Amino acid sequence: ILSVLGIALLFMSCGNDDENNIQAVPPRLLSEVEPENR
């Protein structure tokens, strides 16, 4: 991260998940993960 020179909001896109037999898993909620981490 030392080379980061500003804000970079990165968005990644994938091809057709059905064609690649990949099932997208949505990110979990912060409020759901925080108690587990704690």
Full PDB file with SEQRES, HELIX, SHEET, SSBOND, CRYST1, ORIGX, SCALE, CONECT and MASTER records, all heavy atoms in Angstrom:
SEQRES   1 A   38  ILE LEU SER VAL LEU GLY ILE ALA LEU LEU PHE MET SER          
SEQRES   2 A   38  CYS GLY ASN ASP ASP GLU ASN ASN ILE GLN ALA VAL PRO          
SEQRES   3 A   38  PRO ARG LEU LEU SER GLU VAL GLU PRO GLU ASN ARG              
HELIX    1 AA1 ASP A   17  ASN A   20  1                                   4    
HELIX    2 AA2 LEU A   30  ASN A   37  1                                   8    
CRYST1    1.000    1.000    1.000  90.00  90.00  90.00 P 1           1          
ORIGX1      1.000000  0.000000  0.000000        0.00000                         
ORIGX2      0.000000  1.000000  0.000000        0.00000                         
ORIGX3      0.000000  0.000000  1.000000        0.00000                         
SCALE1      1.000000  0.000000  0.000000        0.00000                         
SCALE2      0.000000  1.000000  0.000000        0.00000                         
SCALE3      0.000000  0.000000  1.000000        0.00000                         
ATOM      1  N   ILE A   1       0.808  -1.208   0.000  1.00  0.00           N  
ATOM      2  CA  ILE A   1       0.000   0.000   0.000  1.00  0.00           C  
ATOM      3  C   ILE A   1       0.846   1.264   0.000  1.00  0.00           C  
ATOM      4  O   ILE A   1       0.331   2.365  -0.116  1.00  0.00           O  
ATOM      5  CB  ILE A   1      -0.966   0.007   1.199  1.00  0.00           C  
ATOM      6  CG1 ILE A   1      -0.222  -0.210   2.518  1.00  0.00           C  
ATOM      7  CG2 ILE A   1      -2.044  -1.025   1.034  1.00  0.00           C  
ATOM      8  CD1 ILE A   1       0.419   0.986   3.073  1.00  0.00           C  
ATOM      9  N   LEU A   2       2.156   1.143   0.120  1.00  0.00           N  
ATOM     10  CA  LEU A   2       2.985   2.335   0.208  1.00  0.00           C  
ATOM     11  C   LEU A   2       2.943   3.177  -1.052  1.00  0.00           C  
ATOM     12  O   LEU A   2       3.237   4.367  -1.035  1.00  0.00           O  
ATOM     13  CB  LEU A   2       4.441   1.934   0.504  1.00  0.00           C  
ATOM     14  CG  LEU A   2       4.673   1.401   1.914  1.00  0.00           C  
ATOM     15  CD1 LEU A   2       6.110   0.939   2.058  1.00  0.00           C  
ATOM     16  CD2 LEU A   2       4.350   2.437   2.962  1.00  0.00           C  
ATOM     17  N   SER A   3       2.578   2.579  -2.185  1.00  0.00           N  
ATOM     18  CA  SER A   3       2.551   3.331  -3.430  1.00  0.00           C  
ATOM     19  C   SER A   3       1.214   4.012  -3.688  1.00  0.00           C  
ATOM     20  O   SER A   3       1.044   4.679  -4.701  1.00  0.00           O  
ATOM     21  CB  SER A   3       2.869   2.400  -4.609  1.00  0.00           C  
ATOM     22  OG  SER A   3       1.880   1.398  -4.695  1.00  0.00           O  
ATOM     23  N   VAL A   4       0.267   3.862  -2.787  1.00  0.00           N  
ATOM     24  CA  VAL A   4      -1.043   4.476  -2.986  1.00  0.00           C  
ATOM     25  C   VAL A   4      -0.913   5.988  -2.876  1.00  0.00           C  
ATOM     26  O   VAL A   4      -0.386   6.492  -1.904  1.00  0.00           O  
ATOM     27  CB  VAL A   4      -2.047   3.959  -1.926  1.00  0.00           C  
ATOM     28  CG1 VAL A   4      -3.384   4.686  -2.076  1.00  0.00           C  
ATOM     29  CG2 VAL A   4      -2.249   2.469  -2.097  1.00  0.00           C  
ATOM     30  N   LEU A   5      -1.410   6.703  -3.866  1.00  0.00           N  
ATOM     31  CA  LEU A   5      -1.263   8.155  -3.888  1.00  0.00           C  
ATOM     32  C   LEU A   5      -2.580   8.883  -3.698  1.00  0.00           C  
ATOM     33  O   LEU A   5      -2.612  10.102  -3.697  1.00  0.00           O  
ATOM     34  CB  LEU A   5      -0.621   8.592  -5.210  1.00  0.00           C  
ATOM     35  CG  LEU A   5       0.772   8.043  -5.450  1.00  0.00           C  
ATOM     36  CD1 LEU A   5       1.288   8.512  -6.805  1.00  0.00           C  
ATOM     37  CD2 LEU A   5       1.719   8.474  -4.356  1.00  0.00           C  
ATOM     38  N   GLY A   6      -3.662   8.211  -3.533  1.00  0.00           N  
ATOM     39  CA  GLY A   6      -4.953   8.871  -3.302  1.00  0.00           C  
ATOM     40  C   GLY A   6      -5.996   7.822  -3.041  1.00  0.00           C  
ATOM     41  O   GLY A   6      -5.689   6.652  -2.810  1.00  0.00           O  
ATOM     42  N   ILE A   7      -7.249   8.248  -3.073  1.00  0.00           N  
ATOM     43  CA  ILE A   7      -8.335   7.304  -2.850  1.00  0.00           C  
ATOM     44  C   ILE A   7      -8.539   6.490  -4.111  1.00  0.00           C  
ATOM     45  O   ILE A   7      -8.605   7.019  -5.198  1.00  0.00           O  
ATOM     46  CB  ILE A   7      -9.641   8.047  -2.528  1.00  0.00           C  
ATOM     47  CG1 ILE A   7      -9.415   8.993  -1.361  1.00  0.00           C  
ATOM     48  CG2 ILE A   7     -10.762   7.101  -2.218  1.00  0.00           C  
ATOM     49  CD1 ILE A   7     -10.615   9.837  -1.062  1.00  0.00           C  
ATOM     50  N   ALA A   8      -8.668   5.190  -3.957  1.00  0.00           N  
ATOM     51  CA  ALA A   8      -8.929   4.329  -5.108  1.00  0.00           C  
ATOM     52  C   ALA A   8     -10.061   3.392  -4.751  1.00  0.00           C  
ATOM     53  O   ALA A   8      -9.875   2.445  -4.015  1.00  0.00           O  
ATOM     54  CB  ALA A   8      -7.677   3.537  -5.484  1.00  0.00           C  
ATOM     55  N   LEU A   9     -11.225   3.677  -5.262  1.00  0.00           N  
ATOM     56  CA  LEU A   9     -12.351   2.777  -5.071  1.00  0.00           C  
ATOM     57  C   LEU A   9     -12.378   1.836  -6.272  1.00  0.00           C  
ATOM     58  O   LEU A   9     -12.631   2.254  -7.396  1.00  0.00           O  
ATOM     59  CB  LEU A   9     -13.661   3.566  -4.978  1.00  0.00           C  
ATOM     60  CG  LEU A   9     -13.793   4.449  -3.746  1.00  0.00           C  
ATOM     61  CD1 LEU A   9     -15.120   5.182  -3.782  1.00  0.00           C  
ATOM     62  CD2 LEU A   9     -13.686   3.612  -2.489  1.00  0.00           C  
ATOM     63  N   LEU A  10     -12.074   0.606  -6.020  1.00  0.00           N  
ATOM     64  CA  LEU A  10     -11.903  -0.359  -7.098  1.00  0.00           C  
ATOM     65  C   LEU A  10     -13.151  -1.218  -7.232  1.00  0.00           C  
ATOM     66  O   LEU A  10     -13.687  -1.712  -6.243  1.00  0.00           O  
ATOM     67  CB  LEU A  10     -10.704  -1.272  -6.805  1.00  0.00           C  
ATOM     68  CG  LEU A  10      -9.399  -0.532  -6.473  1.00  0.00           C  
ATOM     69  CD1 LEU A  10      -8.310  -1.547  -6.201  1.00  0.00           C  
ATOM     70  CD2 LEU A  10      -8.989   0.376  -7.623  1.00  0.00           C  
ATOM     71  N   PHE A  11     -13.607  -1.389  -8.454  1.00  0.00           N  
ATOM     72  CA  PHE A  11     -14.752  -2.226  -8.698  1.00  0.00           C  
ATOM     73  C   PHE A  11     -14.341  -3.338  -9.661  1.00  0.00           C  
ATOM     74  O   PHE A  11     -13.740  -3.078 -10.706  1.00  0.00           O  
ATOM     75  CB  PHE A  11     -15.895  -1.412  -9.316  1.00  0.00           C  
ATOM     76  CG  PHE A  11     -16.400  -0.350  -8.399  1.00  0.00           C  
ATOM     77  CD1 PHE A  11     -15.849   0.928  -8.440  1.00  0.00           C  
ATOM     78  CD2 PHE A  11     -17.394  -0.630  -7.479  1.00  0.00           C  
ATOM     79  CE1 PHE A  11     -16.301   1.914  -7.578  1.00  0.00           C  
ATOM     80  CE2 PHE A  11     -17.855   0.351  -6.625  1.00  0.00           C  
ATOM     81  CZ  PHE A  11     -17.311   1.617  -6.675  1.00  0.00           C  
ATOM     82  N   MET A  12     -14.643  -4.568  -9.277  1.00  0.00           N  
ATOM     83  CA  MET A  12     -14.266  -5.718 -10.099  1.00  0.00           C  
ATOM     84  C   MET A  12     -15.516  -6.316 -10.717  1.00  0.00           C  
ATOM     85  O   MET A  12     -16.562  -6.420 -10.091  1.00  0.00           O  
ATOM     86  CB  MET A  12     -13.569  -6.769  -9.241  1.00  0.00           C  
ATOM     87  CG  MET A  12     -12.278  -6.256  -8.601  1.00  0.00           C  
ATOM     88  SD  MET A  12     -11.499  -7.528  -7.605  1.00  0.00           S  
ATOM     89  CE  MET A  12     -11.066  -8.676  -8.896  1.00  0.00           C  
ATOM     90  N   SER A  13     -15.413  -6.705 -11.980  1.00  0.00           N  
ATOM     91  CA  SER A  13     -16.543  -7.350 -12.653  1.00  0.00           C  
ATOM     92  C   SER A  13     -16.096  -8.699 -13.184  1.00  0.00           C  
ATOM     93  O   SER A  13     -14.931  -8.910 -13.483  1.00  0.00           O  
ATOM     94  CB  SER A  13     -17.046  -6.474 -13.797  1.00  0.00           C  
ATOM     95  OG  SER A  13     -16.034  -6.269 -14.750  1.00  0.00           O  
ATOM     96  N   CYS A  14     -17.037  -9.579 -13.253  1.00  0.00           N  
ATOM     97  CA  CYS A  14     -16.724 -10.931 -13.727  1.00  0.00           C  
ATOM     98  C   CYS A  14     -17.546 -11.230 -14.965  1.00  0.00           C  
ATOM     99  O   CYS A  14     -18.508 -10.539 -15.289  1.00  0.00           O  
ATOM    100  CB  CYS A  14     -17.053 -11.961 -12.647  1.00  0.00           C  
ATOM    101  SG  CYS A  14     -16.116 -11.698 -11.118  1.00  0.00           S  
ATOM    102  N   GLY A  15     -17.168 -12.303 -15.627  1.00  0.00           N  
ATOM    103  CA  GLY A  15     -17.947 -12.747 -16.771  1.00  0.00           C  
ATOM    104  C   GLY A  15     -19.228 -13.414 -16.303  1.00  0.00           C  
ATOM    105  O   GLY A  15     -19.594 -13.376 -15.143  1.00  0.00           O  
ATOM    106  N   ASN A  16     -19.904 -14.061 -17.211  1.00  0.00           N  
ATOM    107  CA  ASN A  16     -21.154 -14.733 -16.896  1.00  0.00           C  
ATOM    108  C   ASN A  16     -20.877 -15.872 -15.935  1.00  0.00           C  
ATOM    109  O   ASN A  16     -20.224 -16.852 -16.253  1.00  0.00           O  
ATOM    110  CB  ASN A  16     -21.781 -15.270 -18.187  1.00  0.00           C  
ATOM    111  CG  ASN A  16     -23.170 -15.810 -17.936  1.00  0.00           C  
ATOM    112  OD1 ASN A  16     -23.383 -16.593 -17.024  1.00  0.00           O  
ATOM    113  ND2 ASN A  16     -24.111 -15.387 -18.783  1.00  0.00           N  
ATOM    114  N   ASP A  17     -21.395 -15.763 -14.683  1.00  0.00           N  
ATOM    115  CA  ASP A  17     -21.127 -16.782 -13.681  1.00  0.00           C  
ATOM    116  C   ASP A  17     -21.713 -18.131 -14.071  1.00  0.00           C  
ATOM    117  O   ASP A  17     -21.166 -19.184 -13.754  1.00  0.00           O  
ATOM    118  CB  ASP A  17     -21.702 -16.340 -12.331  1.00  0.00           C  
ATOM    119  CG  ASP A  17     -20.911 -15.190 -11.729  1.00  0.00           C  
ATOM    120  OD1 ASP A  17     -19.777 -14.973 -12.192  1.00  0.00           O  
ATOM    121  OD2 ASP A  17     -21.419 -14.536 -10.800  1.00  0.00           O  
ATOM    122  N   ASP A  18     -22.882 -18.107 -14.776  1.00  0.00           N  
ATOM    123  CA  ASP A  18     -23.488 -19.372 -15.164  1.00  0.00           C  
ATOM    124  C   ASP A  18     -22.587 -20.133 -16.113  1.00  0.00           C  
ATOM    125  O   ASP A  18     -22.447 -21.355 -16.020  1.00  0.00           O  
ATOM    126  CB  ASP A  18     -24.844 -19.119 -15.825  1.00  0.00           C  
ATOM    127  CG  ASP A  18     -25.859 -18.570 -14.820  1.00  0.00           C  
ATOM    128  OD1 ASP A  18     -25.683 -18.850 -13.618  1.00  0.00           O  
ATOM    129  OD2 ASP A  18     -26.801 -17.870 -15.253  1.00  0.00           O  
ATOM    130  N   GLU A  19     -21.943 -19.401 -17.050  1.00  0.00           N  
ATOM    131  CA  GLU A  19     -21.070 -20.048 -18.021  1.00  0.00           C  
ATOM    132  C   GLU A  19     -19.872 -20.688 -17.335  1.00  0.00           C  
ATOM    133  O   GLU A  19     -19.361 -21.709 -17.756  1.00  0.00           O  
ATOM    134  CB  GLU A  19     -20.597 -19.033 -19.055  1.00  0.00           C  
ATOM    135  CG  GLU A  19     -21.709 -18.522 -19.977  1.00  0.00           C  
ATOM    136  CD  GLU A  19     -21.184 -17.501 -20.968  1.00  0.00           C  
ATOM    137  OE1 GLU A  19     -19.961 -17.247 -20.929  1.00  0.00           O  
ATOM    138  OE2 GLU A  19     -21.966 -16.978 -21.776  1.00  0.00           O  
ATOM    139  N   ASN A  20     -19.390 -20.051 -16.247  1.00  0.00           N  
ATOM    140  CA  ASN A  20     -18.211 -20.556 -15.563  1.00  0.00           C  
ATOM    141  C   ASN A  20     -18.560 -21.405 -14.345  1.00  0.00           C  
ATOM    142  O   ASN A  20     -17.679 -21.810 -13.592  1.00  0.00           O  
ATOM    143  CB  ASN A  20     -17.339 -19.383 -15.117  1.00  0.00           C  
ATOM    144  CG  ASN A  20     -16.809 -18.587 -16.293  1.00  0.00           C  
ATOM    145  OD1 ASN A  20     -16.040 -19.092 -17.093  1.00  0.00           O  
ATOM    146  ND2 ASN A  20     -17.220 -17.328 -16.398  1.00  0.00           N  
ATOM    147  N   ASN A  21     -19.877 -21.643 -14.136  1.00  0.00           N  
ATOM    148  CA  ASN A  21     -20.316 -22.424 -12.986  1.00  0.00           C  
ATOM    149  C   ASN A  21     -19.828 -21.843 -11.671  1.00  0.00           C  
ATOM    150  O   ASN A  21     -19.448 -22.562 -10.752  1.00  0.00           O  
ATOM    151  CB  ASN A  21     -19.849 -23.882 -13.121  1.00  0.00           C  
ATOM    152  CG  ASN A  21     -20.481 -24.581 -14.307  1.00  0.00           C  
ATOM    153  OD1 ASN A  21     -21.677 -24.427 -14.551  1.00  0.00           O  
ATOM    154  ND2 ASN A  21     -19.679 -25.325 -15.051  1.00  0.00           N  
ATOM    155  N   ILE A  22     -19.793 -20.523 -11.626  1.00  0.00           N  
ATOM    156  CA  ILE A  22     -19.379 -19.834 -10.412  1.00  0.00           C  
ATOM    157  C   ILE A  22     -20.595 -19.156  -9.808  1.00  0.00           C  
ATOM    158  O   ILE A  22     -21.315 -18.435 -10.495  1.00  0.00           O  
ATOM    159  CB  ILE A  22     -18.291 -18.784 -10.706  1.00  0.00           C  
ATOM    160  CG1 ILE A  22     -17.034 -19.482 -11.240  1.00  0.00           C  
ATOM    161  CG2 ILE A  22     -17.961 -17.981  -9.456  1.00  0.00           C  
ATOM    162  CD1 ILE A  22     -15.957 -18.510 -11.693  1.00  0.00           C  
ATOM    163  N   GLN A  23     -20.813 -19.384  -8.527  1.00  0.00           N  
ATOM    164  CA  GLN A  23     -21.928 -18.755  -7.842  1.00  0.00           C  
ATOM    165  C   GLN A  23     -21.394 -17.591  -7.008  1.00  0.00           C  
ATOM    166  O   GLN A  23     -20.528 -17.789  -6.149  1.00  0.00           O  
ATOM    167  CB  GLN A  23     -22.651 -19.751  -6.946  1.00  0.00           C  
ATOM    168  CG  GLN A  23     -23.871 -19.154  -6.238  1.00  0.00           C  
ATOM    169  CD  GLN A  23     -24.610 -20.180  -5.410  1.00  0.00           C  
ATOM    170  OE1 GLN A  23     -24.206 -21.326  -5.355  1.00  0.00           O  
ATOM    171  NE2 GLN A  23     -25.698 -19.766  -4.780  1.00  0.00           N  
ATOM    172  N   ALA A  24     -21.893 -16.383  -7.280  1.00  0.00           N  
ATOM    173  CA  ALA A  24     -21.440 -15.210  -6.544  1.00  0.00           C  
ATOM    174  C   ALA A  24     -21.936 -15.279  -5.107  1.00  0.00           C  
ATOM    175  O   ALA A  24     -23.088 -15.628  -4.843  1.00  0.00           O  
ATOM    176  CB  ALA A  24     -21.958 -13.938  -7.213  1.00  0.00           C  
ATOM    177  N   VAL A  25     -21.059 -14.981  -4.176  1.00  0.00           N  
ATOM    178  CA  VAL A  25     -21.409 -14.953  -2.761  1.00  0.00           C  
ATOM    179  C   VAL A  25     -21.386 -13.504  -2.303  1.00  0.00           C  
ATOM    180  O   VAL A  25     -20.332 -12.865  -2.305  1.00  0.00           O  
ATOM    181  CB  VAL A  25     -20.418 -15.780  -1.914  1.00  0.00           C  
ATOM    182  CG1 VAL A  25     -20.793 -15.700  -0.437  1.00  0.00           C  
ATOM    183  CG2 VAL A  25     -20.397 -17.223  -2.394  1.00  0.00           C  
ATOM    184  N   PRO A  26     -22.522 -12.955  -1.936  1.00  0.00           N  
ATOM    185  CA  PRO A  26     -22.553 -11.542  -1.546  1.00  0.00           C  
ATOM    186  C   PRO A  26     -21.787 -11.326  -0.247  1.00  0.00           C  
ATOM    187  O   PRO A  26     -21.726 -12.223   0.605  1.00  0.00           O  
ATOM    188  CB  PRO A  26     -24.042 -11.246  -1.377  1.00  0.00           C  
ATOM    189  CG  PRO A  26     -24.665 -12.580  -1.074  1.00  0.00           C  
ATOM    190  CD  PRO A  26     -23.861 -13.573  -1.857  1.00  0.00           C  
ATOM    191  N   PRO A  27     -21.188 -10.146  -0.089  1.00  0.00           N  
ATOM    192  CA  PRO A  27     -20.484  -9.846   1.163  1.00  0.00           C  
ATOM    193  C   PRO A  27     -21.444  -9.910   2.349  1.00  0.00           C  
ATOM    194  O   PRO A  27     -22.637  -9.596   2.228  1.00  0.00           O  
ATOM    195  CB  PRO A  27     -19.976  -8.416   0.948  1.00  0.00           C  
ATOM    196  CG  PRO A  27     -19.984  -8.213  -0.527  1.00  0.00           C  
ATOM    197  CD  PRO A  27     -21.120  -9.044  -1.050  1.00  0.00           C  
ATOM    198  N   ARG A  28     -20.927 -10.318   3.478  1.00  0.00           N  
ATOM    199  CA  ARG A  28     -21.725 -10.348   4.695  1.00  0.00           C  
ATOM    200  C   ARG A  28     -21.854  -8.935   5.261  1.00  0.00           C  
ATOM    201  O   ARG A  28     -21.154  -8.011   4.839  1.00  0.00           O  
ATOM    202  CB  ARG A  28     -21.075 -11.279   5.709  1.00  0.00           C  
ATOM    203  CG  ARG A  28     -20.980 -12.735   5.234  1.00  0.00           C  
ATOM    204  CD  ARG A  28     -20.244 -13.594   6.244  1.00  0.00           C  
ATOM    205  NE  ARG A  28     -20.996 -13.663   7.496  1.00  0.00           N  
ATOM    206  CZ  ARG A  28     -20.485 -14.161   8.625  1.00  0.00           C  
ATOM    207  NH1 ARG A  28     -19.225 -14.600   8.656  1.00  0.00           N  
ATOM    208  NH2 ARG A  28     -21.212 -14.218   9.721  1.00  0.00           N  
ATOM    209  N   LEU A  29     -22.726  -8.765   6.223  1.00  0.00           N  
ATOM    210  CA  LEU A  29     -22.931  -7.475   6.849  1.00  0.00           C  
ATOM    211  C   LEU A  29     -21.889  -7.222   7.923  1.00  0.00           C  
ATOM    212  O   LEU A  29     -21.470  -8.137   8.646  1.00  0.00           O  
ATOM    213  CB  LEU A  29     -24.330  -7.397   7.474  1.00  0.00           C  
ATOM    214  CG  LEU A  29     -25.529  -7.462   6.527  1.00  0.00           C  
ATOM    215  CD1 LEU A  29     -26.819  -7.510   7.337  1.00  0.00           C  
ATOM    216  CD2 LEU A  29     -25.542  -6.271   5.578  1.00  0.00           C  
ATOM    217  N   LEU A  30     -21.457  -5.979   8.041  1.00  0.00           N  
ATOM    218  CA  LEU A  30     -20.560  -5.602   9.126  1.00  0.00           C  
ATOM    219  C   LEU A  30     -21.162  -5.963  10.479  1.00  0.00           C  
ATOM    220  O   LEU A  30     -20.466  -6.478  11.376  1.00  0.00           O  
ATOM    221  CB  LEU A  30     -20.285  -4.097   9.073  1.00  0.00           C  
ATOM    222  CG  LEU A  30     -19.366  -3.584   7.969  1.00  0.00           C  
ATOM    223  CD1 LEU A  30     -19.511  -2.074   7.831  1.00  0.00           C  
ATOM    224  CD2 LEU A  30     -17.915  -3.941   8.258  1.00  0.00           C  
ATOM    225  N   SER A  31     -22.447  -5.685  10.649  1.00  0.00           N  
ATOM    226  CA  SER A  31     -23.117  -5.924  11.926  1.00  0.00           C  
ATOM    227  C   SER A  31     -23.262  -7.409  12.242  1.00  0.00           C  
ATOM    228  O   SER A  31     -23.497  -7.792  13.392  1.00  0.00           O  
ATOM    229  CB  SER A  31     -24.499  -5.261  11.927  1.00  0.00           C  
ATOM    230  OG  SER A  31     -25.289  -5.717  10.842  1.00  0.00           O  
ATOM    231  N   GLU A  32     -23.130  -8.254  11.238  1.00  0.00           N  
ATOM    232  CA  GLU A  32     -23.187  -9.700  11.430  1.00  0.00           C  
ATOM    233  C   GLU A  32     -21.816 -10.269  11.784  1.00  0.00           C  
ATOM    234  O   GLU A  32     -21.688 -11.138  12.661  1.00  0.00           O  
ATOM    235  CB  GLU A  32     -23.701 -10.355  10.150  1.00  0.00           C  
ATOM    236  CG  GLU A  32     -23.771 -11.864  10.188  1.00  0.00           C  
ATOM    237  CD  GLU A  32     -24.190 -12.440   8.851  1.00  0.00           C  
ATOM    238  OE1 GLU A  32     -23.466 -12.232   7.845  1.00  0.00           O  
ATOM    239  OE2 GLU A  32     -25.239 -13.101   8.819  1.00  0.00           O  
ATOM    240  N   VAL A  33     -20.777  -9.749  11.125  1.00  0.00           N  
ATOM    241  CA  VAL A  33     -19.426 -10.278  11.322  1.00  0.00           C  
ATOM    242  C   VAL A  33     -18.799  -9.746  12.611  1.00  0.00           C  
ATOM    243  O   VAL A  33     -18.071 -10.472  13.307  1.00  0.00           O  
ATOM    244  CB  VAL A  33     -18.536  -9.917  10.113  1.00  0.00           C  
ATOM    245  CG1 VAL A  33     -17.096 -10.345  10.355  1.00  0.00           C  
ATOM    246  CG2 VAL A  33     -19.090 -10.576   8.852  1.00  0.00           C  
ATOM    247  N   GLU A  34     -19.106  -8.509  12.973  1.00  0.00           N  
ATOM    248  CA  GLU A  34     -18.445  -7.888  14.124  1.00  0.00           C  
ATOM    249  C   GLU A  34     -18.604  -8.698  15.413  1.00  0.00           C  
ATOM    250  O   GLU A  34     -17.614  -8.932  16.127  1.00  0.00           O  
ATOM    251  CB  GLU A  34     -18.958  -6.453  14.302  1.00  0.00           C  
ATOM    252  CG  GLU A  34     -18.227  -5.659  15.377  1.00  0.00           C  
ATOM    253  CD  GLU A  34     -18.697  -5.944  16.785  1.00  0.00           C  
ATOM    254  OE1 GLU A  34     -19.882  -6.308  16.974  1.00  0.00           O  
ATOM    255  OE2 GLU A  34     -17.874  -5.836  17.720  1.00  0.00           O  
ATOM    256  N   PRO A  35     -19.815  -9.171  15.784  1.00  0.00           N  
ATOM    257  CA  PRO A  35     -19.927  -9.961  17.014  1.00  0.00           C  
ATOM    258  C   PRO A  35     -19.117 -11.255  16.975  1.00  0.00           C  
ATOM    259  O   PRO A  35     -18.563 -11.689  17.995  1.00  0.00           O  
ATOM    260  CB  PRO A  35     -21.430 -10.252  17.118  1.00  0.00           C  
ATOM    261  CG  PRO A  35     -22.092  -9.206  16.296  1.00  0.00           C  
ATOM    262  CD  PRO A  35     -21.142  -8.927  15.170  1.00  0.00           C  
ATOM    263  N   GLU A  36     -19.052 -11.876  15.799  1.00  0.00           N  
ATOM    264  CA  GLU A  36     -18.261 -13.096  15.674  1.00  0.00           C  
ATOM    265  C   GLU A  36     -16.780 -12.802  15.897  1.00  0.00           C  
ATOM    266  O   GLU A  36     -16.081 -13.534  16.613  1.00  0.00           O  
ATOM    267  CB  GLU A  36     -18.470 -13.713  14.297  1.00  0.00           C  
ATOM    268  CG  GLU A  36     -19.896 -14.162  14.025  1.00  0.00           C  
ATOM    269  CD  GLU A  36     -20.088 -14.652  12.604  1.00  0.00           C  
ATOM    270  OE1 GLU A  36     -19.080 -14.700  11.849  1.00  0.00           O  
ATOM    271  OE2 GLU A  36     -21.225 -14.997  12.233  1.00  0.00           O  
ATOM    272  N   ASN A  37     -16.285 -11.740  15.254  1.00  0.00           N  
ATOM    273  CA  ASN A  37     -14.883 -11.357  15.423  1.00  0.00           C  
ATOM    274  C   ASN A  37     -14.587 -10.997  16.874  1.00  0.00           C  
ATOM    275  O   ASN A  37     -13.533 -11.343  17.421  1.00  0.00           O  
ATOM    276  CB  ASN A  37     -14.549 -10.170  14.530  1.00  0.00           C  
ATOM    277  CG  ASN A  37     -14.308 -10.534  13.083  1.00  0.00           C  
ATOM    278  OD1 ASN A  37     -14.089  -9.672  12.241  1.00  0.00           O  
ATOM    279  ND2 ASN A  37     -14.355 -11.822  12.750  1.00  0.00           N  
ATOM    280  N   ARG A  38     -15.523 -10.276  17.499  1.00  0.00           N  
ATOM    281  CA  ARG A  38     -15.316  -9.869  18.891  1.00  0.00           C  
ATOM    282  C   ARG A  38     -15.162 -11.099  19.791  1.00  0.00           C  
ATOM    283  O   ARG A  38     -14.281 -11.152  20.662  1.00  0.00           O  
ATOM    284  CB  ARG A  38     -16.477  -8.997  19.369  1.00  0.00           C  
ATOM    285  CG  ARG A  38     -16.280  -8.459  20.765  1.00  0.00           C  
ATOM    286  CD  ARG A  38     -17.384  -7.528  21.242  1.00  0.00           C  
ATOM    287  NE  ARG A  38     -18.387  -7.218  20.264  1.00  0.00           N  
ATOM    288  CZ  ARG A  38     -19.669  -7.516  20.406  1.00  0.00           C  
ATOM    289  NH1 ARG A  38     -20.080  -8.197  21.460  1.00  0.00           N  
ATOM    290  NH2 ARG A  38     -20.548  -7.137  19.484  1.00  0.00           N  
TER     291      ARG A  38                                                      
MASTER        0    0    0    2    0    0    0    6  290    1    0    3          
END                                                                             
